[in-house]
Amino acid sequence: QVQLVESGGGLVQPGGSLRLSCVASGFTFSSRAMRWYRQAPGKERELVPAISSTGVSTNYADSTKGRFTISRDNAKNTVYLQMNSLKPEDTAVYYCNAPRLGADYWGRGTQVTVSS
């Protein structure tokens, strides 16, 4: 059974940092690219960053470049999202995603709230 389990969300003040983790199981993690999406209330789901299966290649949404860093540890079947200099507009539910032909794998999400 495929599982993606996110953790690390919470309430943080503007300018603060959070580190999200996503632990994968049930598929060959090291052979798949991984992505983080986020969805704010009333908005469409947005791709935040993506990372290749080896971790060599990454892509970031313009809104997060220079502030967010995606990384992975294939030995631990885990992908991370380090978020620095957080802004209120970063408030959203953050989802871990493993793309594949047909239906992607999704986690249930972790809430990130940036507020003073």
N, C-alpha and C. Protein backbone atom coordinates (compact mmCIF):
# COMPACT_ATOMS: atom_id res chain seq x y z
N GLN A 1 0.84 -1.19 0.00
CA GLN A 1 0.00 0.00 0.00
C GLN A 1 0.88 1.25 0.00
N VAL A 2 0.59 2.13 -0.93
CA VAL A 2 1.37 3.36 -1.05
C VAL A 2 0.94 4.35 0.03
N GLN A 3 1.92 4.93 0.68
CA GLN A 3 1.65 5.99 1.66
C GLN A 3 2.65 7.10 1.53
N LEU A 4 2.16 8.32 1.62
CA LEU A 4 2.98 9.51 1.74
C LEU A 4 2.49 10.24 2.98
N VAL A 5 3.35 10.39 3.96
CA VAL A 5 2.95 10.97 5.23
C VAL A 5 3.77 12.22 5.50
N GLU A 6 3.08 13.36 5.47
CA GLU A 6 3.73 14.65 5.72
C GLU A 6 3.74 14.98 7.21
N SER A 7 4.71 15.75 7.60
CA SER A 7 4.77 16.26 8.97
C SER A 7 5.60 17.54 8.98
N GLY A 8 5.53 18.26 10.11
CA GLY A 8 6.35 19.45 10.27
C GLY A 8 5.62 20.77 10.12
N GLY A 9 4.35 20.73 9.76
CA GLY A 9 3.60 21.97 9.63
C GLY A 9 3.30 22.57 10.99
N GLY A 10 2.75 23.77 10.95
CA GLY A 10 2.40 24.43 12.20
C GLY A 10 2.20 25.91 12.01
N LEU A 11 2.16 26.62 13.13
CA LEU A 11 1.99 28.07 13.13
C LEU A 11 3.35 28.71 13.34
N VAL A 12 3.67 29.67 12.48
CA VAL A 12 4.96 30.36 12.57
C VAL A 12 4.75 31.83 12.27
N GLN A 13 5.56 32.66 12.86
CA GLN A 13 5.47 34.10 12.62
C GLN A 13 6.11 34.45 11.28
N PRO A 14 5.68 35.54 10.68
CA PRO A 14 6.34 36.01 9.44
C PRO A 14 7.85 36.14 9.64
N GLY A 15 8.59 35.68 8.66
CA GLY A 15 10.04 35.68 8.75
C GLY A 15 10.62 34.43 9.35
N GLY A 16 9.77 33.58 9.88
CA GLY A 16 10.23 32.34 10.52
C GLY A 16 10.49 31.24 9.52
N SER A 17 10.81 30.07 10.07
CA SER A 17 11.16 28.91 9.25
C SER A 17 10.42 27.67 9.72
N LEU A 18 10.22 26.78 8.77
CA LEU A 18 9.67 25.45 9.06
C LEU A 18 10.35 24.45 8.13
N ARG A 19 10.42 23.23 8.60
CA ARG A 19 10.92 22.15 7.76
C ARG A 19 9.88 21.05 7.69
N LEU A 20 9.37 20.82 6.49
CA LEU A 20 8.40 19.76 6.26
C LEU A 20 9.13 18.49 5.85
N SER A 21 8.55 17.37 6.26
CA SER A 21 9.06 16.07 5.86
C SER A 21 7.93 15.24 5.26
N CYS A 22 8.30 14.36 4.35
CA CYS A 22 7.34 13.44 3.76
C CYS A 22 8.01 12.07 3.67
N VAL A 23 7.46 11.12 4.40
CA VAL A 23 7.99 9.76 4.38
C VAL A 23 7.14 8.92 3.45
N ALA A 24 7.80 8.26 2.52
CA ALA A 24 7.11 7.46 1.51
C ALA A 24 7.29 5.97 1.77
N SER A 25 6.28 5.21 1.40
CA SER A 25 6.36 3.76 1.50
C SER A 25 5.44 3.14 0.45
N GLY A 26 5.73 1.90 0.11
CA GLY A 26 4.87 1.17 -0.82
C GLY A 26 5.25 1.29 -2.29
N PHE A 27 6.31 2.02 -2.59
CA PHE A 27 6.80 2.10 -3.96
C PHE A 27 8.29 2.37 -3.91
N THR A 28 8.93 2.30 -5.06
CA THR A 28 10.37 2.49 -5.12
C THR A 28 10.68 3.98 -5.13
N PHE A 29 10.87 4.52 -3.94
CA PHE A 29 11.03 5.96 -3.76
C PHE A 29 12.20 6.50 -4.58
N SER A 30 13.29 5.79 -4.59
CA SER A 30 14.51 6.31 -5.22
C SER A 30 14.42 6.43 -6.72
N SER A 31 13.37 5.86 -7.32
CA SER A 31 13.24 5.93 -8.77
C SER A 31 12.25 6.99 -9.23
N ARG A 32 11.68 7.73 -8.29
CA ARG A 32 10.65 8.70 -8.63
C ARG A 32 11.05 10.12 -8.28
N ALA A 33 10.72 11.04 -9.19
CA ALA A 33 10.76 12.44 -8.82
C ALA A 33 9.71 12.68 -7.74
N MET A 34 9.91 13.72 -6.97
CA MET A 34 8.96 14.07 -5.91
C MET A 34 8.65 15.56 -5.99
N ARG A 35 7.46 15.90 -5.52
CA ARG A 35 7.02 17.28 -5.58
C ARG A 35 6.34 17.67 -4.27
N TRP A 36 6.34 18.95 -4.00
CA TRP A 36 5.49 19.53 -2.96
C TRP A 36 4.51 20.48 -3.66
N TYR A 37 3.26 20.35 -3.29
CA TYR A 37 2.22 21.27 -3.71
C TYR A 37 1.69 21.97 -2.47
N ARG A 38 1.01 23.08 -2.71
CA ARG A 38 0.28 23.72 -1.63
C ARG A 38 -1.05 24.25 -2.15
N GLN A 39 -1.98 24.35 -1.24
CA GLN A 39 -3.29 24.88 -1.59
C GLN A 39 -3.80 25.76 -0.47
N ALA A 40 -4.01 27.02 -0.81
CA ALA A 40 -4.57 27.98 0.13
C ALA A 40 -6.08 28.00 -0.03
N PRO A 41 -6.80 28.42 0.99
CA PRO A 41 -8.27 28.48 0.90
C PRO A 41 -8.73 29.30 -0.30
N GLY A 42 -9.61 28.72 -1.09
CA GLY A 42 -10.16 29.43 -2.23
C GLY A 42 -9.25 29.52 -3.44
N LYS A 43 -8.10 28.86 -3.37
CA LYS A 43 -7.14 28.92 -4.48
C LYS A 43 -6.88 27.53 -5.03
N GLU A 44 -6.34 27.49 -6.25
CA GLU A 44 -5.98 26.22 -6.85
C GLU A 44 -4.70 25.67 -6.22
N ARG A 45 -4.56 24.37 -6.34
CA ARG A 45 -3.35 23.74 -5.84
C ARG A 45 -2.16 24.20 -6.69
N GLU A 46 -1.07 24.54 -6.04
CA GLU A 46 0.09 25.13 -6.71
C GLU A 46 1.32 24.26 -6.49
N LEU A 47 2.04 23.98 -7.58
CA LEU A 47 3.31 23.27 -7.45
C LEU A 47 4.33 24.21 -6.83
N VAL A 48 4.96 23.76 -5.77
CA VAL A 48 5.92 24.60 -5.06
C VAL A 48 7.33 24.29 -5.56
N PRO A 49 7.94 23.14 -5.16
CA PRO A 49 9.17 22.72 -5.77
C PRO A 49 9.07 21.26 -6.20
N ALA A 50 9.98 20.85 -7.04
CA ALA A 50 10.08 19.46 -7.47
C ALA A 50 11.55 19.06 -7.41
N ILE A 51 11.78 17.78 -7.26
CA ILE A 51 13.14 17.27 -7.20
C ILE A 51 13.21 15.96 -7.97
N SER A 52 14.29 15.78 -8.70
CA SER A 52 14.46 14.55 -9.47
C SER A 52 14.71 13.36 -8.55
N SER A 53 14.67 12.19 -9.14
CA SER A 53 14.81 10.96 -8.34
C SER A 53 16.17 10.89 -7.63
N THR A 54 17.19 11.44 -8.25
CA THR A 54 18.53 11.40 -7.65
C THR A 54 18.80 12.61 -6.76
N GLY A 55 17.94 13.62 -6.87
CA GLY A 55 18.15 14.84 -6.10
C GLY A 55 19.05 15.85 -6.79
N VAL A 56 19.52 15.51 -7.97
CA VAL A 56 20.45 16.41 -8.67
C VAL A 56 19.73 17.63 -9.23
N SER A 57 18.51 17.42 -9.71
CA SER A 57 17.77 18.50 -10.36
C SER A 57 16.59 18.94 -9.52
N THR A 58 16.43 20.26 -9.41
CA THR A 58 15.30 20.82 -8.67
C THR A 58 14.67 21.96 -9.47
N ASN A 59 13.40 22.20 -9.21
CA ASN A 59 12.67 23.31 -9.81
C ASN A 59 11.80 23.96 -8.75
N TYR A 60 11.71 25.28 -8.82
CA TYR A 60 10.95 26.02 -7.81
C TYR A 60 9.97 26.98 -8.46
N ALA A 61 8.83 27.16 -7.80
CA ALA A 61 7.93 28.22 -8.20
C ALA A 61 8.60 29.57 -7.95
N ASP A 62 8.31 30.54 -8.81
CA ASP A 62 8.94 31.85 -8.66
C ASP A 62 8.70 32.44 -7.28
N SER A 63 7.55 32.18 -6.72
CA SER A 63 7.19 32.76 -5.43
C SER A 63 8.02 32.21 -4.27
N THR A 64 8.72 31.11 -4.50
CA THR A 64 9.46 30.47 -3.41
C THR A 64 10.97 30.43 -3.65
N LYS A 65 11.41 30.85 -4.82
CA LYS A 65 12.84 30.80 -5.12
C LYS A 65 13.63 31.64 -4.13
N GLY A 66 14.72 31.07 -3.64
CA GLY A 66 15.56 31.76 -2.68
C GLY A 66 15.11 31.62 -1.23
N ARG A 67 13.90 31.12 -1.03
CA ARG A 67 13.38 30.96 0.33
C ARG A 67 13.15 29.50 0.69
N PHE A 68 12.74 28.71 -0.26
CA PHE A 68 12.44 27.30 -0.03
C PHE A 68 13.53 26.43 -0.65
N THR A 69 13.79 25.31 0.02
CA THR A 69 14.75 24.33 -0.51
C THR A 69 14.17 22.94 -0.37
N ILE A 70 14.12 22.23 -1.49
CA ILE A 70 13.67 20.85 -1.47
C ILE A 70 14.90 19.94 -1.49
N SER A 71 14.81 18.85 -0.75
CA SER A 71 15.89 17.88 -0.72
C SER A 71 15.29 16.51 -0.45
N ARG A 72 16.11 15.50 -0.60
CA ARG A 72 15.62 14.14 -0.36
C ARG A 72 16.73 13.27 0.18
N ASP A 73 16.33 12.25 0.92
CA ASP A 73 17.24 11.23 1.42
C ASP A 73 16.66 9.89 0.99
N ASN A 74 17.21 9.34 -0.07
CA ASN A 74 16.67 8.09 -0.61
C ASN A 74 16.87 6.92 0.33
N ALA A 75 17.85 7.00 1.19
CA ALA A 75 18.06 5.93 2.17
C ALA A 75 16.95 5.90 3.22
N LYS A 76 16.31 7.05 3.42
CA LYS A 76 15.23 7.15 4.41
C LYS A 76 13.86 7.28 3.76
N ASN A 77 13.81 7.20 2.43
CA ASN A 77 12.53 7.35 1.71
C ASN A 77 11.81 8.64 2.12
N THR A 78 12.56 9.69 2.22
CA THR A 78 12.02 10.94 2.73
C THR A 78 12.40 12.12 1.84
N VAL A 79 11.43 12.99 1.62
CA VAL A 79 11.67 14.25 0.93
C VAL A 79 11.37 15.38 1.91
N TYR A 80 12.16 16.43 1.83
CA TYR A 80 12.06 17.54 2.77
C TYR A 80 11.75 18.84 2.03
N LEU A 81 11.15 19.76 2.77
CA LEU A 81 10.97 21.11 2.26
C LEU A 81 11.36 22.07 3.37
N GLN A 82 12.50 22.70 3.21
CA GLN A 82 12.95 23.72 4.15
C GLN A 82 12.40 25.06 3.70
N MET A 83 11.65 25.70 4.55
CA MET A 83 11.00 26.96 4.21
C MET A 83 11.51 28.05 5.14
N ASN A 84 12.14 29.04 4.57
CA ASN A 84 12.69 30.18 5.32
C ASN A 84 12.00 31.47 4.90
N SER A 85 12.16 32.48 5.72
CA SER A 85 11.58 33.81 5.42
C SER A 85 10.11 33.69 5.04
N LEU A 86 9.40 32.97 5.84
CA LEU A 86 7.99 32.69 5.53
C LEU A 86 7.15 33.96 5.56
N LYS A 87 6.17 33.99 4.67
CA LYS A 87 5.27 35.14 4.53
C LYS A 87 3.83 34.67 4.77
N PRO A 88 2.96 35.60 5.13
CA PRO A 88 1.56 35.20 5.33
C PRO A 88 0.96 34.53 4.09
N GLU A 89 1.41 34.92 2.91
CA GLU A 89 0.87 34.30 1.69
C GLU A 89 1.37 32.88 1.47
N ASP A 90 2.28 32.42 2.30
CA ASP A 90 2.69 31.01 2.25
C ASP A 90 1.73 30.11 3.01
N THR A 91 0.78 30.70 3.70
CA THR A 91 -0.20 29.92 4.44
C THR A 91 -1.00 29.03 3.50
N ALA A 92 -1.00 27.73 3.79
CA ALA A 92 -1.66 26.76 2.92
C ALA A 92 -1.53 25.37 3.54
N VAL A 93 -2.23 24.44 2.95
CA VAL A 93 -1.97 23.03 3.23
C VAL A 93 -0.93 22.57 2.22
N TYR A 94 0.12 21.95 2.72
CA TYR A 94 1.22 21.49 1.87
C TYR A 94 1.11 19.98 1.69
N TYR A 95 1.18 19.56 0.43
CA TYR A 95 1.01 18.16 0.07
C TYR A 95 2.27 17.61 -0.58
N CYS A 96 2.58 16.41 -0.22
CA CYS A 96 3.66 15.66 -0.86
C CYS A 96 3.06 14.90 -2.04
N ASN A 97 3.80 14.83 -3.14
CA ASN A 97 3.27 14.21 -4.36
C ASN A 97 4.36 13.39 -5.05
N ALA A 98 3.97 12.22 -5.51
CA ALA A 98 4.85 11.39 -6.34
C ALA A 98 4.17 11.20 -7.68
N PRO A 99 4.67 11.82 -8.73
CA PRO A 99 4.01 11.72 -10.02
C PRO A 99 4.19 10.34 -10.64
N ARG A 100 3.18 9.89 -11.34
CA ARG A 100 3.27 8.64 -12.08
C ARG A 100 2.21 8.63 -13.16
N LEU A 101 2.36 7.75 -14.15
CA LEU A 101 1.35 7.61 -15.19
C LEU A 101 0.05 7.16 -14.56
N GLY A 102 -1.03 7.78 -14.97
CA GLY A 102 -2.31 7.50 -14.33
C GLY A 102 -2.48 8.44 -13.15
N ALA A 103 -2.76 7.90 -12.02
CA ALA A 103 -3.01 8.73 -10.84
C ALA A 103 -1.75 8.91 -10.01
N ASP A 104 -1.42 10.17 -9.73
CA ASP A 104 -0.27 10.45 -8.86
C ASP A 104 -0.56 9.94 -7.45
N TYR A 105 0.50 9.75 -6.71
CA TYR A 105 0.36 9.46 -5.28
C TYR A 105 0.35 10.79 -4.52
N TRP A 106 -0.53 10.88 -3.53
CA TRP A 106 -0.65 12.10 -2.74
C TRP A 106 -0.65 11.78 -1.25
N GLY A 107 -0.07 12.67 -0.47
CA GLY A 107 -0.25 12.61 0.97
C GLY A 107 -1.50 13.35 1.38
N ARG A 108 -1.78 13.33 2.67
CA ARG A 108 -2.99 14.00 3.17
C ARG A 108 -2.75 15.47 3.47
N GLY A 109 -1.52 15.88 3.51
CA GLY A 109 -1.22 17.28 3.70
C GLY A 109 -0.90 17.66 5.13
N THR A 110 -0.18 18.76 5.26
CA THR A 110 0.12 19.34 6.57
C THR A 110 -0.10 20.85 6.49
N GLN A 111 -0.76 21.38 7.50
CA GLN A 111 -1.13 22.79 7.49
C GLN A 111 0.06 23.66 7.91
N VAL A 112 0.30 24.69 7.12
CA VAL A 112 1.28 25.71 7.46
C VAL A 112 0.56 27.04 7.56
N THR A 113 0.68 27.67 8.70
CA THR A 113 0.03 28.97 8.92
C THR A 113 1.10 29.98 9.32
N VAL A 114 1.17 31.06 8.55
CA VAL A 114 2.15 32.11 8.83
C VAL A 114 1.37 33.34 9.28
N SER A 115 1.50 33.65 10.55
CA SER A 115 0.71 34.74 11.11
C SER A 115 1.38 35.26 12.38
N SER A 116 1.21 36.55 12.62
CA SER A 116 1.71 37.12 13.86
C SER A 116 0.61 37.15 14.92
